[in-house]
Amino acid sequence: MYISNPLSGYPGEDKVAAAAYINKIIEREILRAPEQYLWMHRRFKTRPEGEASLYN
């Protein structure tokens, strides 16, 4: 288990910046222990016609 420092510099009302900020934190935590991430969740189940699956 890892305990990180409290978040600082959260972008507040800017929704796009806030999403990017949180996604960066999630990415950092996944990279810390990728074997523990729920990789089997297929978030993008469908693709545009003619596009290859992201999971093959």
N, C-alpha and C. Protein backbone atom coordinates (compact mmCIF):
# COMPACT_ATOMS: atom_id res chain seq x y z
N MET A 1 0.84 -1.16 0.00
CA MET A 1 0.00 0.00 0.00
C MET A 1 0.90 1.23 0.00
N TYR A 2 0.53 2.20 -0.80
CA TYR A 2 1.26 3.46 -0.86
C TYR A 2 0.37 4.58 -0.36
N ILE A 3 0.93 5.45 0.42
CA ILE A 3 0.20 6.64 0.87
C ILE A 3 0.94 7.83 0.29
N SER A 4 0.25 8.57 -0.56
CA SER A 4 0.85 9.73 -1.21
C SER A 4 0.58 10.99 -0.41
N ASN A 5 1.32 12.01 -0.74
CA ASN A 5 1.07 13.32 -0.14
C ASN A 5 -0.29 13.85 -0.58
N PRO A 6 -0.87 14.75 0.19
CA PRO A 6 -2.15 15.35 -0.23
C PRO A 6 -1.99 16.04 -1.58
N LEU A 7 -3.07 16.04 -2.35
CA LEU A 7 -3.05 16.69 -3.66
C LEU A 7 -2.84 18.18 -3.49
N SER A 8 -2.06 18.76 -4.37
CA SER A 8 -1.88 20.21 -4.36
C SER A 8 -1.96 20.71 -5.79
N GLY A 9 -2.38 21.94 -5.96
CA GLY A 9 -2.45 22.52 -7.29
C GLY A 9 -3.63 22.04 -8.11
N TYR A 10 -4.67 21.53 -7.46
CA TYR A 10 -5.85 21.07 -8.20
C TYR A 10 -6.44 22.23 -8.98
N PRO A 11 -6.77 22.04 -10.27
CA PRO A 11 -7.18 23.15 -11.13
C PRO A 11 -8.54 23.77 -10.82
N GLY A 12 -9.30 23.23 -9.91
CA GLY A 12 -10.55 23.87 -9.51
C GLY A 12 -11.67 23.80 -10.53
N GLU A 13 -12.11 24.92 -11.02
CA GLU A 13 -13.30 25.00 -11.88
C GLU A 13 -13.06 24.57 -13.33
N ASP A 14 -11.83 24.50 -13.77
CA ASP A 14 -11.53 24.11 -15.15
C ASP A 14 -11.67 22.59 -15.27
N LYS A 15 -12.78 22.13 -15.84
CA LYS A 15 -13.08 20.70 -15.88
C LYS A 15 -12.08 19.91 -16.71
N VAL A 16 -11.63 20.47 -17.81
CA VAL A 16 -10.67 19.76 -18.66
C VAL A 16 -9.33 19.61 -17.93
N ALA A 17 -8.87 20.68 -17.33
CA ALA A 17 -7.61 20.63 -16.58
C ALA A 17 -7.74 19.71 -15.37
N ALA A 18 -8.90 19.71 -14.72
CA ALA A 18 -9.12 18.84 -13.55
C ALA A 18 -9.08 17.37 -13.97
N ALA A 19 -9.71 17.04 -15.11
CA ALA A 19 -9.69 15.66 -15.60
C ALA A 19 -8.27 15.23 -15.94
N ALA A 20 -7.52 16.10 -16.60
CA ALA A 20 -6.13 15.79 -16.95
C ALA A 20 -5.29 15.59 -15.69
N TYR A 21 -5.52 16.41 -14.69
CA TYR A 21 -4.79 16.32 -13.42
C TYR A 21 -5.03 14.97 -12.75
N ILE A 22 -6.30 14.59 -12.64
CA ILE A 22 -6.65 13.32 -11.99
C ILE A 22 -6.14 12.14 -12.82
N ASN A 23 -6.27 12.21 -14.15
CA ASN A 23 -5.78 11.13 -15.00
C ASN A 23 -4.28 10.94 -14.85
N LYS A 24 -3.53 12.02 -14.70
CA LYS A 24 -2.09 11.93 -14.51
C LYS A 24 -1.76 11.23 -13.18
N ILE A 25 -2.54 11.52 -12.16
CA ILE A 25 -2.34 10.86 -10.86
C ILE A 25 -2.64 9.36 -10.98
N ILE A 26 -3.73 9.02 -11.64
CA ILE A 26 -4.08 7.61 -11.83
C ILE A 26 -2.98 6.90 -12.62
N GLU A 27 -2.50 7.54 -13.68
CA GLU A 27 -1.41 6.97 -14.48
C GLU A 27 -0.18 6.72 -13.62
N ARG A 28 0.18 7.68 -12.80
CA ARG A 28 1.36 7.54 -11.93
C ARG A 28 1.20 6.34 -10.99
N GLU A 29 0.00 6.18 -10.43
CA GLU A 29 -0.23 5.08 -9.49
C GLU A 29 -0.24 3.73 -10.19
N ILE A 30 -0.77 3.67 -11.40
CA ILE A 30 -0.74 2.42 -12.17
C ILE A 30 0.70 2.03 -12.48
N LEU A 31 1.50 3.01 -12.88
CA LEU A 31 2.90 2.73 -13.21
C LEU A 31 3.70 2.29 -12.00
N ARG A 32 3.26 2.67 -10.83
CA ARG A 32 3.95 2.26 -9.60
C ARG A 32 3.81 0.75 -9.38
N ALA A 33 2.66 0.17 -9.73
CA ALA A 33 2.43 -1.27 -9.56
C ALA A 33 1.46 -1.76 -10.63
N PRO A 34 1.90 -1.82 -11.90
CA PRO A 34 0.99 -2.18 -12.99
C PRO A 34 0.37 -3.56 -12.85
N GLU A 35 1.05 -4.46 -12.16
CA GLU A 35 0.50 -5.81 -11.99
C GLU A 35 -0.75 -5.82 -11.13
N GLN A 36 -1.01 -4.76 -10.41
CA GLN A 36 -2.18 -4.70 -9.54
C GLN A 36 -3.37 -3.99 -10.19
N TYR A 37 -3.17 -3.44 -11.38
CA TYR A 37 -4.25 -2.70 -12.03
C TYR A 37 -5.23 -3.67 -12.68
N LEU A 38 -6.47 -3.31 -12.77
CA LEU A 38 -7.52 -4.16 -13.34
C LEU A 38 -7.47 -4.07 -14.87
N TRP A 39 -6.47 -4.70 -15.48
CA TRP A 39 -6.26 -4.60 -16.92
C TRP A 39 -7.35 -5.31 -17.71
N MET A 40 -8.06 -6.25 -17.12
CA MET A 40 -9.05 -7.00 -17.89
C MET A 40 -10.32 -6.20 -18.19
N HIS A 41 -10.50 -5.05 -17.58
CA HIS A 41 -11.68 -4.23 -17.86
C HIS A 41 -11.56 -3.64 -19.26
N ARG A 42 -12.49 -3.99 -20.11
CA ARG A 42 -12.46 -3.52 -21.50
C ARG A 42 -13.33 -2.27 -21.63
N ARG A 43 -12.75 -1.15 -21.34
CA ARG A 43 -13.46 0.13 -21.31
C ARG A 43 -14.02 0.49 -22.68
N PHE A 44 -13.25 0.24 -23.73
CA PHE A 44 -13.67 0.61 -25.09
C PHE A 44 -14.11 -0.65 -25.82
N LYS A 45 -15.36 -1.03 -25.60
CA LYS A 45 -15.88 -2.28 -26.13
C LYS A 45 -16.14 -2.23 -27.63
N THR A 46 -16.48 -1.07 -28.13
CA THR A 46 -16.78 -0.94 -29.56
C THR A 46 -15.79 0.02 -30.21
N ARG A 47 -15.59 -0.17 -31.49
CA ARG A 47 -14.69 0.66 -32.28
C ARG A 47 -15.43 1.10 -33.53
N PRO A 48 -15.01 2.17 -34.14
CA PRO A 48 -15.63 2.58 -35.40
C PRO A 48 -15.48 1.45 -36.43
N GLU A 49 -16.42 1.39 -37.35
CA GLU A 49 -16.41 0.34 -38.36
C GLU A 49 -15.07 0.35 -39.11
N GLY A 50 -14.48 -0.84 -39.23
CA GLY A 50 -13.21 -0.97 -39.92
C GLY A 50 -11.99 -0.81 -39.03
N GLU A 51 -12.17 -0.35 -37.79
CA GLU A 51 -11.04 -0.17 -36.87
C GLU A 51 -10.79 -1.46 -36.10
N ALA A 52 -9.53 -1.76 -35.88
CA ALA A 52 -9.15 -2.97 -35.15
C ALA A 52 -9.46 -2.83 -33.67
N SER A 53 -9.69 -3.96 -33.02
CA SER A 53 -9.92 -3.98 -31.58
C SER A 53 -8.67 -3.50 -30.85
N LEU A 54 -8.85 -2.83 -29.75
CA LEU A 54 -7.73 -2.38 -28.94
C LEU A 54 -7.17 -3.50 -28.07
N TYR A 55 -7.87 -4.63 -28.02
CA TYR A 55 -7.53 -5.68 -27.07
C TYR A 55 -6.97 -6.95 -27.70
N ASN A 56 -6.68 -6.96 -28.95
CA ASN A 56 -6.12 -8.17 -29.60
C ASN A 56 -4.64 -8.04 -29.76
